[in-house]
């Protein structure tokens, strides 16, 4: 009954996609752009016990995180973490803040 209800939610909610393109490959990428569909997808993940698959901020590859990341943060795959990509973006952010602060101090 739960499966039927979630399938119905997904079908009736607009803006849903199940497949996407990643370079030359067709990949499963369930997503929804409206609240009703997003709630349906979250319930489906919770009911099925499936693990979330995230997209690496730097390389755009899919990966399954060991721990659920905080909302609103950049997420990096293991390979990009080893290469120091989170630190690269942190330093870029720091330099941008310093430039912005210097520009505000001149005014």
PDB file of N, CA and C in Angstrom:
ATOM      1  N   UNK A   1       0.819  -1.188   0.000  1.00  0.00           N
ATOM      2  CA  UNK A   1       0.000   0.000   0.000  1.00  0.00           C
ATOM      3  C   UNK A   1       0.870   1.261   0.000  1.00  0.00           C
ATOM      4  N   UNK A   2       1.950   1.235   0.792  1.00  0.00           N
ATOM      5  CA  UNK A   2       2.858   2.377   0.850  1.00  0.00           C
ATOM      6  C   UNK A   2       3.534   2.576  -0.512  1.00  0.00           C
ATOM      7  N   UNK A   3       3.944   1.481  -1.142  1.00  0.00           N
ATOM      8  CA  UNK A   3       4.592   1.560  -2.448  1.00  0.00           C
ATOM      9  C   UNK A   3       3.644   2.170  -3.479  1.00  0.00           C
ATOM     10  N   UNK A   4       2.415   1.733  -3.482  1.00  0.00           N
ATOM     11  CA  UNK A   4       1.441   2.274  -4.424  1.00  0.00           C
ATOM     12  C   UNK A   4       1.212   3.764  -4.179  1.00  0.00           C
ATOM     13  N   UNK A   5       1.123   4.153  -2.923  1.00  0.00           N
ATOM     14  CA  UNK A   5       0.901   5.559  -2.595  1.00  0.00           C
ATOM     15  C   UNK A   5       2.092   6.419  -3.046  1.00  0.00           C
ATOM     16  N   UNK A   6       3.317   5.948  -2.792  1.00  0.00           N
ATOM     17  CA  UNK A   6       4.498   6.717  -3.184  1.00  0.00           C
ATOM     18  C   UNK A   6       4.622   6.807  -4.699  1.00  0.00           C
ATOM     19  N   UNK A   7       4.314   5.723  -5.406  1.00  0.00           N
ATOM     20  CA  UNK A   7       4.336   5.766  -6.868  1.00  0.00           C
ATOM     21  C   UNK A   7       3.309   6.760  -7.398  1.00  0.00           C
ATOM     22  N   UNK A   8       2.151   6.793  -6.773  1.00  0.00           N
ATOM     23  CA  UNK A   8       1.115   7.724  -7.202  1.00  0.00           C
ATOM     24  C   UNK A   8       1.555   9.166  -6.949  1.00  0.00           C
ATOM     25  N   UNK A   9       2.155   9.426  -5.787  1.00  0.00           N
ATOM     26  CA  UNK A   9       2.665  10.765  -5.487  1.00  0.00           C
ATOM     27  C   UNK A   9       3.664  11.192  -6.550  1.00  0.00           C
ATOM     28  N   UNK A  10       4.588  10.282  -6.851  1.00  0.00           N
ATOM     29  CA  UNK A  10       5.639  10.600  -7.813  1.00  0.00           C
ATOM     30  C   UNK A  10       5.047  10.884  -9.190  1.00  0.00           C
ATOM     31  N   UNK A  11       4.093  10.088  -9.605  1.00  0.00           N
ATOM     32  CA  UNK A  11       3.492  10.259 -10.927  1.00  0.00           C
ATOM     33  C   UNK A  11       2.660  11.531 -11.030  1.00  0.00           C
ATOM     34  N   UNK A  12       1.975  11.908  -9.958  1.00  0.00           N
ATOM     35  CA  UNK A  12       1.089  13.059 -10.016  1.00  0.00           C
ATOM     36  C   UNK A  12       1.810  14.389  -9.785  1.00  0.00           C
ATOM     37  N   UNK A  13       2.975  14.342  -9.196  1.00  0.00           N
ATOM     38  CA  UNK A  13       3.731  15.564  -8.951  1.00  0.00           C
ATOM     39  C   UNK A  13       4.478  15.948 -10.227  1.00  0.00           C
ATOM     40  N   UNK A  14       4.407  17.199 -10.604  1.00  0.00           N
ATOM     41  CA  UNK A  14       5.093  17.654 -11.809  1.00  0.00           C
ATOM     42  C   UNK A  14       6.575  17.867 -11.572  1.00  0.00           C
ATOM     43  N   UNK A  15       7.354  17.924 -12.638  1.00  0.00           N
ATOM     44  CA  UNK A  15       8.773  18.237 -12.548  1.00  0.00           C
ATOM     45  C   UNK A  15       9.656  17.116 -12.059  1.00  0.00           C
ATOM     46  N   UNK A  16       9.228  15.879 -12.186  1.00  0.00           N
ATOM     47  CA  UNK A  16      10.034  14.743 -11.737  1.00  0.00           C
ATOM     48  C   UNK A  16      10.867  14.187 -12.878  1.00  0.00           C
ATOM     49  N   UNK A  17      12.054  13.722 -12.541  1.00  0.00           N
ATOM     50  CA  UNK A  17      12.881  12.986 -13.497  1.00  0.00           C
ATOM     51  C   UNK A  17      13.467  11.779 -12.783  1.00  0.00           C
ATOM     52  N   UNK A  18      13.704  10.721 -13.511  1.00  0.00           N
ATOM     53  CA  UNK A  18      14.338   9.527 -12.949  1.00  0.00           C
ATOM     54  C   UNK A  18      15.707   9.285 -13.536  1.00  0.00           C
ATOM     55  N   UNK A  19      15.902   9.657 -14.792  1.00  0.00           N
ATOM     56  CA  UNK A  19      17.168   9.415 -15.470  1.00  0.00           C
ATOM     57  C   UNK A  19      17.836  10.728 -15.815  1.00  0.00           C
ATOM     58  N   UNK A  20      19.150  10.692 -15.863  1.00  0.00           N
ATOM     59  CA  UNK A  20      19.919  11.856 -16.267  1.00  0.00           C
ATOM     60  C   UNK A  20      21.137  11.410 -17.045  1.00  0.00           C
ATOM     61  N   UNK A  21      21.866  12.360 -17.570  1.00  0.00           N
ATOM     62  CA  UNK A  21      23.087  12.060 -18.314  1.00  0.00           C
ATOM     63  C   UNK A  21      24.286  12.497 -17.493  1.00  0.00           C
ATOM     64  N   UNK A  22      25.284  11.651 -17.431  1.00  0.00           N
ATOM     65  CA  UNK A  22      26.551  11.970 -16.803  1.00  0.00           C
ATOM     66  C   UNK A  22      27.624  11.648 -17.820  1.00  0.00           C
ATOM     67  N   UNK A  23      28.128  12.685 -18.462  1.00  0.00           N
ATOM     68  CA  UNK A  23      29.051  12.544 -19.590  1.00  0.00           C
ATOM     69  C   UNK A  23      28.366  11.736 -20.674  1.00  0.00           C
ATOM     70  N   UNK A  24      28.822  10.523 -20.968  1.00  0.00           N
ATOM     71  CA  UNK A  24      28.233   9.710 -22.042  1.00  0.00           C
ATOM     72  C   UNK A  24      27.264   8.663 -21.520  1.00  0.00           C
ATOM     73  N   UNK A  25      27.052   8.589 -20.217  1.00  0.00           N
ATOM     74  CA  UNK A  25      26.261   7.515 -19.631  1.00  0.00           C
ATOM     75  C   UNK A  25      24.891   7.985 -19.188  1.00  0.00           C
ATOM     76  N   UNK A  26      23.927   7.078 -19.279  1.00  0.00           N
ATOM     77  CA  UNK A  26      22.613   7.310 -18.692  1.00  0.00           C
ATOM     78  C   UNK A  26      22.676   6.791 -17.261  1.00  0.00           C
ATOM     79  N   UNK A  27      22.310   7.627 -16.296  1.00  0.00           N
ATOM     80  CA  UNK A  27      22.386   7.250 -14.890  1.00  0.00           C
ATOM     81  C   UNK A  27      21.043   7.494 -14.220  1.00  0.00           C
ATOM     82  N   UNK A  28      20.781   6.731 -13.161  1.00  0.00           N
ATOM     83  CA  UNK A  28      19.589   6.957 -12.342  1.00  0.00           C
ATOM     84  C   UNK A  28      19.845   8.213 -11.518  1.00  0.00           C
ATOM     85  N   UNK A  29      18.975   9.183 -11.679  1.00  0.00           N
ATOM     86  CA  UNK A  29      19.112  10.427 -10.937  1.00  0.00           C
ATOM     87  C   UNK A  29      17.721  10.930 -10.577  1.00  0.00           C
ATOM     88  N   UNK A  30      17.085  10.271  -9.593  1.00  0.00           N
ATOM     89  CA  UNK A  30      15.731  10.708  -9.246  1.00  0.00           C
ATOM     90  C   UNK A  30      15.762  12.107  -8.636  1.00  0.00           C
ATOM     91  N   UNK A  31      14.923  12.967  -9.174  1.00  0.00           N
ATOM     92  CA  UNK A  31      14.847  14.317  -8.615  1.00  0.00           C
ATOM     93  C   UNK A  31      13.487  14.903  -8.894  1.00  0.00           C
ATOM     94  N   UNK A  32      13.146  15.845  -8.083  1.00  0.00           N
ATOM     95  CA  UNK A  32      11.871  16.533  -8.237  1.00  0.00           C
ATOM     96  C   UNK A  32      12.091  18.001  -7.931  1.00  0.00           C
ATOM     97  N   UNK A  33      11.316  18.850  -8.570  1.00  0.00           N
ATOM     98  CA  UNK A  33      11.488  20.285  -8.401  1.00  0.00           C
ATOM     99  C   UNK A  33      10.374  20.918  -7.577  1.00  0.00           C
ATOM    100  N   UNK A  34       9.399  20.112  -7.162  1.00  0.00           N
ATOM    101  CA  UNK A  34       8.285  20.636  -6.385  1.00  0.00           C
ATOM    102  C   UNK A  34       8.198  19.905  -5.051  1.00  0.00           C
ATOM    103  N   UNK A  35       7.671  20.577  -4.060  1.00  0.00           N
ATOM    104  CA  UNK A  35       7.632  20.052  -2.698  1.00  0.00           C
ATOM    105  C   UNK A  35       6.971  18.681  -2.614  1.00  0.00           C
ATOM    106  N   UNK A  36       5.865  18.500  -3.289  1.00  0.00           N
ATOM    107  CA  UNK A  36       5.133  17.232  -3.241  1.00  0.00           C
ATOM    108  C   UNK A  36       6.021  16.072  -3.719  1.00  0.00           C
ATOM    109  N   UNK A  37       6.727  16.276  -4.821  1.00  0.00           N
ATOM    110  CA  UNK A  37       7.619  15.244  -5.349  1.00  0.00           C
ATOM    111  C   UNK A  37       8.834  15.009  -4.468  1.00  0.00           C
ATOM    112  N   UNK A  38       9.365  16.077  -3.889  1.00  0.00           N
ATOM    113  CA  UNK A  38      10.533  15.951  -3.007  1.00  0.00           C
ATOM    114  C   UNK A  38      10.171  15.141  -1.767  1.00  0.00           C
ATOM    115  N   UNK A  39       9.016  15.423  -1.188  1.00  0.00           N
ATOM    116  CA  UNK A  39       8.562  14.656  -0.020  1.00  0.00           C
ATOM    117  C   UNK A  39       8.382  13.190  -0.396  1.00  0.00           C
ATOM    118  N   UNK A  40       7.810  12.938  -1.569  1.00  0.00           N
ATOM    119  CA  UNK A  40       7.648  11.560  -2.038  1.00  0.00           C
ATOM    120  C   UNK A  40       8.980  10.840  -2.193  1.00  0.00           C
ATOM    121  N   UNK A  41       9.978  11.526  -2.764  1.00  0.00           N
ATOM    122  CA  UNK A  41      11.296  10.909  -2.920  1.00  0.00           C
ATOM    123  C   UNK A  41      11.942  10.633  -1.563  1.00  0.00           C
ATOM    124  N   UNK A  42      11.834  11.570  -0.629  1.00  0.00           N
ATOM    125  CA  UNK A  42      12.420  11.365   0.696  1.00  0.00           C
ATOM    126  C   UNK A  42      11.741  10.209   1.415  1.00  0.00           C
ATOM    127  N   UNK A  43      10.428  10.123   1.303  1.00  0.00           N
ATOM    128  CA  UNK A  43       9.717   8.997   1.911  1.00  0.00           C
ATOM    129  C   UNK A  43      10.129   7.676   1.263  1.00  0.00           C
ATOM    130  N   UNK A  44      10.291   7.678  -0.057  1.00  0.00           N
ATOM    131  CA  UNK A  44      10.704   6.458  -0.759  1.00  0.00           C
ATOM    132  C   UNK A  44      12.077   6.000  -0.287  1.00  0.00           C
ATOM    133  N   UNK A  45      13.019   6.940  -0.127  1.00  0.00           N
ATOM    134  CA  UNK A  45      14.344   6.579   0.386  1.00  0.00           C
ATOM    135  C   UNK A  45      14.237   6.022   1.802  1.00  0.00           C
ATOM    136  N   UNK A  46      13.429   6.663   2.642  1.00  0.00           N
ATOM    137  CA  UNK A  46      13.294   6.213   4.034  1.00  0.00           C
ATOM    138  C   UNK A  46      12.650   4.835   4.119  1.00  0.00           C
ATOM    139  N   UNK A  47      11.594   4.601   3.336  1.00  0.00           N
ATOM    140  CA  UNK A  47      10.873   3.331   3.387  1.00  0.00           C
ATOM    141  C   UNK A  47      11.726   2.191   2.829  1.00  0.00           C
ATOM    142  N   UNK A  48      12.451   2.462   1.745  1.00  0.00           N
ATOM    143  CA  UNK A  48      13.218   1.397   1.092  1.00  0.00           C
ATOM    144  C   UNK A  48      14.552   1.127   1.778  1.00  0.00           C
ATOM    145  N   UNK A  49      15.028   2.075   2.574  1.00  0.00           N
ATOM    146  CA  UNK A  49      16.328   1.892   3.221  1.00  0.00           C
ATOM    147  C   UNK A  49      17.494   2.118   2.279  1.00  0.00           C
ATOM    148  N   UNK A  50      17.216   2.635   1.076  1.00  0.00           N
ATOM    149  CA  UNK A  50      18.279   2.899   0.104  1.00  0.00           C
ATOM    150  C   UNK A  50      19.142   4.050   0.599  1.00  0.00           C
ATOM    151  N   UNK A  51      20.415   3.981   0.261  1.00  0.00           N
ATOM    152  CA  UNK A  51      21.317   5.043   0.653  1.00  0.00           C
ATOM    153  C   UNK A  51      21.286   6.148  -0.386  1.00  0.00           C
ATOM    154  N   UNK A  52      21.394   7.372   0.092  1.00  0.00           N
ATOM    155  CA  UNK A  52      21.438   8.508  -0.823  1.00  0.00           C
ATOM    156  C   UNK A  52      22.723   8.474  -1.633  1.00  0.00           C
ATOM    157  N   UNK A  53      22.615   8.885  -2.853  1.00  0.00           N
ATOM    158  CA  UNK A  53      23.773   9.057  -3.710  1.00  0.00           C
ATOM    159  C   UNK A  53      23.916  10.546  -3.938  1.00  0.00           C
ATOM    160  N   UNK A  54      25.100  11.065  -3.704  1.00  0.00           N
ATOM    161  CA  UNK A  54      25.347  12.489  -3.872  1.00  0.00           C
ATOM    162  C   UNK A  54      26.247  12.731  -5.071  1.00  0.00           C
ATOM    163  N   UNK A  55      26.286  13.970  -5.500  1.00  0.00           N
ATOM    164  CA  UNK A  55      27.164  14.375  -6.592  1.00  0.00           C
ATOM    165  C   UNK A  55      28.306  15.174  -5.986  1.00  0.00           C
ATOM    166  N   UNK A  56      29.528  14.800  -6.333  1.00  0.00           N
ATOM    167  CA  UNK A  56      30.709  15.508  -5.852  1.00  0.00           C
ATOM    168  C   UNK A  56      30.697  16.934  -6.392  1.00  0.00           C
ATOM    169  N   UNK A  57      30.964  17.902  -5.533  1.00  0.00           N
ATOM    170  CA  UNK A  57      30.942  19.312  -5.913  1.00  0.00           C
ATOM    171  C   UNK A  57      31.989  19.616  -6.975  1.00  0.00           C
ATOM    172  N   UNK A  58      33.139  18.961  -6.902  1.00  0.00           N
ATOM    173  CA  UNK A  58      34.235  19.268  -7.820  1.00  0.00           C
ATOM    174  C   UNK A  58      34.167  18.482  -9.127  1.00  0.00           C
ATOM    175  N   UNK A  59      34.133  17.166  -9.047  1.00  0.00           N
ATOM    176  CA  UNK A  59      34.235  16.333 -10.252  1.00  0.00           C
ATOM    177  C   UNK A  59      32.881  15.932 -10.831  1.00  0.00           C
ATOM    178  N   UNK A  60      31.801  16.204 -10.111  1.00  0.00           N
ATOM    179  CA  UNK A  60      30.438  15.912 -10.563  1.00  0.00           C
ATOM    180  C   UNK A  60      30.133  14.422 -10.687  1.00  0.00           C
ATOM    181  N   UNK A  61      30.953  13.558 -10.092  1.00  0.00           N
ATOM    182  CA  UNK A  61      30.674  12.113 -10.101  1.00  0.00           C
ATOM    183  C   UNK A  61      29.767  11.770  -8.932  1.00  0.00           C
ATOM    184  N   UNK A  62      29.028  10.682  -9.084  1.00  0.00           N
ATOM    185  CA  UNK A  62      28.163  10.207  -8.015  1.00  0.00           C
ATOM    186  C   UNK A  62      28.971   9.398  -7.020  1.00  0.00           C
ATOM    187  N   UNK A  63      28.617   9.517  -5.744  1.00  0.00           N
ATOM    188  CA  UNK A  63      29.236   8.706  -4.701  1.00  0.00           C
ATOM    189  C   UNK A  63      28.250   8.537  -3.559  1.00  0.00           C
ATOM    190  N   UNK A  64      28.481   7.514  -2.755  1.00  0.00           N
ATOM    191  CA  UNK A  64      27.650   7.254  -1.585  1.00  0.00           C
ATOM    192  C   UNK A  64      28.457   7.639  -0.348  1.00  0.00           C
ATOM    193  N   UNK A  65      28.010   8.645   0.404  1.00  0.00           N
ATOM    194  CA  UNK A  65      28.776   9.075   1.581  1.00  0.00           C
ATOM    195  C   UNK A  65      28.632   8.086   2.733  1.00  0.00           C
ATOM    196  N   UNK A  66      29.661   8.035   3.584  1.00  0.00           N
ATOM    197  CA  UNK A  66      29.600   7.174   4.768  1.00  0.00           C
ATOM    198  C   UNK A  66      28.658   7.767   5.815  1.00  0.00           C
ATOM    199  N   UNK A  67      28.666   9.102   5.919  1.00  0.00           N
ATOM    200  CA  UNK A  67      27.819   9.804   6.881  1.00  0.00           C
ATOM    201  C   UNK A  67      26.992  10.830   6.126  1.00  0.00           C
ATOM    202  N   UNK A  68      25.795  11.086   6.615  1.00  0.00           N
ATOM    203  CA  UNK A  68      24.936  12.065   5.960  1.00  0.00           C
ATOM    204  C   UNK A  68      25.540  13.454   6.140  1.00  0.00           C
ATOM    205  N   UNK A  69      25.791  14.169   5.042  1.00  0.00           N
ATOM    206  CA  UNK A  69      26.386  15.505   5.156  1.00  0.00           C
ATOM    207  C   UNK A  69      25.370  16.533   5.628  1.00  0.00           C
ATOM    208  N   UNK A  70      25.868  17.624   6.162  1.00  0.00           N
ATOM    209  CA  UNK A  70      24.994  18.709   6.588  1.00  0.00           C
ATOM    210  C   UNK A  70      24.377  19.376   5.366  1.00  0.00           C
ATOM    211  N   UNK A  71      23.197  19.879   5.535  1.00  0.00           N
ATOM    212  CA  UNK A  71      22.509  20.578   4.454  1.00  0.00           C
ATOM    213  C   UNK A  71      23.202  21.903   4.180  1.00  0.00           C
ATOM    214  N   UNK A  72      23.340  22.224   2.905  1.00  0.00           N
ATOM    215  CA  UNK A  72      23.914  23.510   2.522  1.00  0.00           C
ATOM    216  C   UNK A  72      25.424  23.535   2.460  1.00  0.00           C
ATOM    217  N   UNK A  73      26.068  22.388   2.563  1.00  0.00           N
ATOM    218  CA  UNK A  73      27.530  22.348   2.490  1.00  0.00           C
ATOM    219  C   UNK A  73      27.962  21.676   1.200  1.00  0.00           C
ATOM    220  N   UNK A  74      29.179  21.947   0.801  1.00  0.00           N
ATOM    221  CA  UNK A  74      29.733  21.277  -0.366  1.00  0.00           C
ATOM    222  C   UNK A  74      30.080  19.849   0.020  1.00  0.00           C
ATOM    223  N   UNK A  75      29.870  18.929  -0.922  1.00  0.00           N
ATOM    224  CA  UNK A  75      30.165  17.526  -0.675  1.00  0.00           C
ATOM    225  C   UNK A  75      31.193  17.046  -1.690  1.00  0.00           C
ATOM    226  N   UNK A  76      32.172  16.302  -1.218  1.00  0.00           N
ATOM    227  CA  UNK A  76      33.243  15.827  -2.079  1.00  0.00           C
ATOM    228  C   UNK A  76      33.393  14.319  -1.958  1.00  0.00           C
ATOM    229  N   UNK A  77      33.688  13.676  -3.082  1.00  0.00           N
ATOM    230  CA  UNK A  77      33.939  12.231  -3.067  1.00  0.00           C
ATOM    231  C   UNK A  77      35.302  11.957  -2.436  1.00  0.00           C
ATOM    232  N   UNK A  78      35.564  10.691  -2.156  1.00  0.00           N
ATOM    233  CA  UNK A  78      36.810  10.296  -1.499  1.00  0.00           C
ATOM    234  C   UNK A  78      38.027  10.699  -2.327  1.00  0.00           C
ATOM    235  N   UNK A  79      37.929  10.536  -3.641  1.00  0.00           N
ATOM    236  CA  UNK A  79      39.052  10.864  -4.529  1.00  0.00           C
ATOM    237  C   UNK A  79      39.390  12.356  -4.455  1.00  0.00           C
ATOM    238  N   UNK A  80      38.380  13.207  -4.548  1.00  0.00           N
ATOM    239  CA  UNK A  80      38.620  14.651  -4.491  1.00  0.00           C
ATOM    240  C   UNK A  80      39.099  15.092  -3.111  1.00  0.00           C
ATOM    241  N   UNK A  81      38.624  14.419  -2.061  1.00  0.00           N
ATOM    242  CA  UNK A  81      39.124  14.728  -0.716  1.00  0.00           C
ATOM    243  C   UNK A  81      40.614  14.431  -0.615  1.00  0.00           C
ATOM    244  N   UNK A  82      41.028  13.289  -1.186  1.00  0.00           N
ATOM    245  CA  UNK A  82      42.447  12.925  -1.172  1.00  0.00           C
ATOM    246  C   UNK A  82      43.286  13.957  -1.922  1.00  0.00           C
ATOM    247  N   UNK A  83      42.723  14.539  -2.978  1.00  0.00           N
ATOM    248  CA  UNK A  83      43.437  15.536  -3.775  1.00  0.00           C
ATOM    249  C   UNK A  83      43.411  16.936  -3.149  1.00  0.00           C
ATOM    250  N   UNK A  84      42.696  17.094  -2.033  1.00  0.00           N
ATOM    251  CA  UNK A  84      42.664  18.372  -1.326  1.00  0.00           C
ATOM    252  C   UNK A  84      41.704  19.397  -1.912  1.00  0.00           C
ATOM    253  N   UNK A  85      40.696  18.944  -2.620  1.00  0.00           N
ATOM    254  CA  UNK A  85      39.746  19.878  -3.236  1.00  0.00           C
ATOM    255  C   UNK A  85      38.925  20.660  -2.214  1.00  0.00           C
ATOM    256  N   UNK A  86      38.520  20.078  -1.065  1.00  0.00           N
ATOM    257  CA  UNK A  86      37.798  20.906  -0.083  1.00  0.00           C
ATOM    258  C   UNK A  86      38.642  22.096   0.400  1.00  0.00           C
ATOM    259  N   UNK A  87      39.938  21.876   0.591  1.00  0.00           N
ATOM    260  CA  UNK A  87      40.824  22.952   1.028  1.00  0.00           C
ATOM    261  C   UNK A  87      40.974  24.007  -0.068  1.00  0.00           C
ATOM    262  N   UNK A  88      41.007  23.565  -1.321  1.00  0.00           N
ATOM    263  CA  UNK A  88      41.104  24.491  -2.446  1.00  0.00           C
ATOM    264  C   UNK A  88      39.921  25.459  -2.445  1.00  0.00           C
ATOM    265  N   UNK A  89      38.718  24.931  -2.298  1.00  0.00           N
ATOM    266  CA  UNK A  89      37.531  25.783  -2.279  1.00  0.00           C
ATOM    267  C   UNK A  89      37.476  26.643  -1.017  1.00  0.00           C
ATOM    268  N   UNK A  90      37.938  26.117   0.099  1.00  0.00           N
ATOM    269  CA  UNK A  90      37.963  26.905   1.344  1.00  0.00           C
ATOM    270  C   UNK A  90      38.909  28.102   1.195  1.00  0.00           C
ATOM    271  N   UNK A  91      40.057  27.894   0.570  1.00  0.00           N
ATOM    272  CA  UNK A  91      40.996  29.000   0.368  1.00  0.00           C
ATOM    273  C   UNK A  91      40.435  30.020  -0.612  1.00  0.00           C
ATOM    274  N   UNK A  92      39.749  29.561  -1.652  1.00  0.00           N
ATOM    275  CA  UNK A  92      39.118  30.497  -2.589  1.00  0.00           C
ATOM    276  C   UNK A  92      38.072  31.345  -1.874  1.00  0.00           C
ATOM    277  N   UNK A  93      37.287  30.716  -1.012  1.00  0.00           N
ATOM    278  CA  UNK A  93      36.279  31.449  -0.249  1.00  0.00           C
ATOM    279  C   UNK A  93      36.923  32.475   0.673  1.00  0.00           C
ATOM    280  N   UNK A  94      38.020  32.083   1.329  1.00  0.00           N
ATOM    281  CA  UNK A  94      38.718  32.978   2.242  1.00  0.00           C
ATOM    282  C   UNK A  94      39.265  34.195   1.496  1.00  0.00           C
ATOM    283  N   UNK A  95      39.897  33.960   0.341  1.00  0.00           N
ATOM    284  CA  UNK A  95      40.429  35.082  -0.445  1.00  0.00           C
ATOM    285  C   UNK A  95      39.307  35.999  -0.927  1.00  0.00           C
ATOM    286  N   UNK A  96      38.178  35.417  -1.327  1.00  0.00           N
ATOM    287  CA  UNK A  96      37.043  36.235  -1.775  1.00  0.00           C
ATOM    288  C   UNK A  96      36.489  37.078  -0.626  1.00  0.00           C
ATOM    289  N   UNK A  97      36.410  36.513   0.587  1.00  0.00           N
ATOM    290  CA  UNK A  97      35.927  37.274   1.750  1.00  0.00           C
ATOM    291  C   UNK A  97      36.882  38.419   2.078  1.00  0.00           C
ATOM    292  N   UNK A  98      38.189  38.136   2.003  1.00  0.00           N
ATOM    293  CA  UNK A  98      39.178  39.185   2.298  1.00  0.00           C
ATOM    294  C   UNK A  98      39.078  40.321   1.287  1.00  0.00           C
ATOM    295  N   UNK A  99      38.914  39.985  -0.004  1.00  0.00           N
ATOM    296  CA  UNK A  99      38.759  41.025  -1.036  1.00  0.00           C
ATOM    297  C   UNK A  99      37.494  41.838  -0.778  1.00  0.00           C
ATOM    298  N   UNK A 100      36.413  41.155  -0.440  1.00  0.00           N
ATOM    299  CA  UNK A 100      35.146  41.833  -0.184  1.00  0.00           C
ATOM    300  C   UNK A 100      35.267  42.747   1.034  1.00  0.00           C
ATOM    301  N   UNK A 101      35.932  42.262   2.090  1.00  0.00           N
ATOM    302  CA  UNK A 101      36.088  43.056   3.303  1.00  0.00           C
ATOM    303  C   UNK A 101      36.982  44.279   3.044  1.00  0.00           C
ATOM    304  N   UNK A 102      38.036  44.106   2.260  1.00  0.00           N
ATOM    305  CA  UNK A 102      38.903  45.244   1.925  1.00  0.00           C
ATOM    306  C   UNK A 102      38.146  46.278   1.118  1.00  0.00           C
ATOM    307  N   UNK A 103      37.310  45.813   0.190  1.00  0.00           N
ATOM    308  CA  UNK A 103      36.512  46.737  -0.624  1.00  0.00           C
ATOM    309  C   UNK A 103      35.493  47.494   0.217  1.00  0.00           C
ATOM    310  N   UNK A 104      34.917  46.843   1.206  1.00  0.00           N
ATOM    311  CA  UNK A 104      33.930  47.487   2.085  1.00  0.00           C
ATOM    312  C   UNK A 104      34.620  48.492   3.008  1.00  0.00           C
ATOM    313  N   UNK A 105      35.872  48.211   3.414  1.00  0.00           N
ATOM    314  CA  UNK A 105      36.596  49.107   4.321  1.00  0.00           C
ATOM    315  C   UNK A 105      36.998  50.401   3.604  1.00  0.00           C
ATOM    316  N   UNK A 106      37.231  50.339   2.290  1.00  0.00           N
ATOM    317  CA  UNK A 106      37.610  51.528   1.526  1.00  0.00           C
ATOM    318  C   UNK A 106      36.451  52.495   1.374  1.00  0.00           C
ATOM    319  N   UNK A 107      35.238  51.991   1.417  1.00  0.00           N
ATOM    320  CA  UNK A 107      34.078  52.862   1.213  1.00  0.00           C
ATOM    321  C   UNK A 107      33.759  53.649   2.393  1.00  0.00           C
TER     322      UNK A 107
END
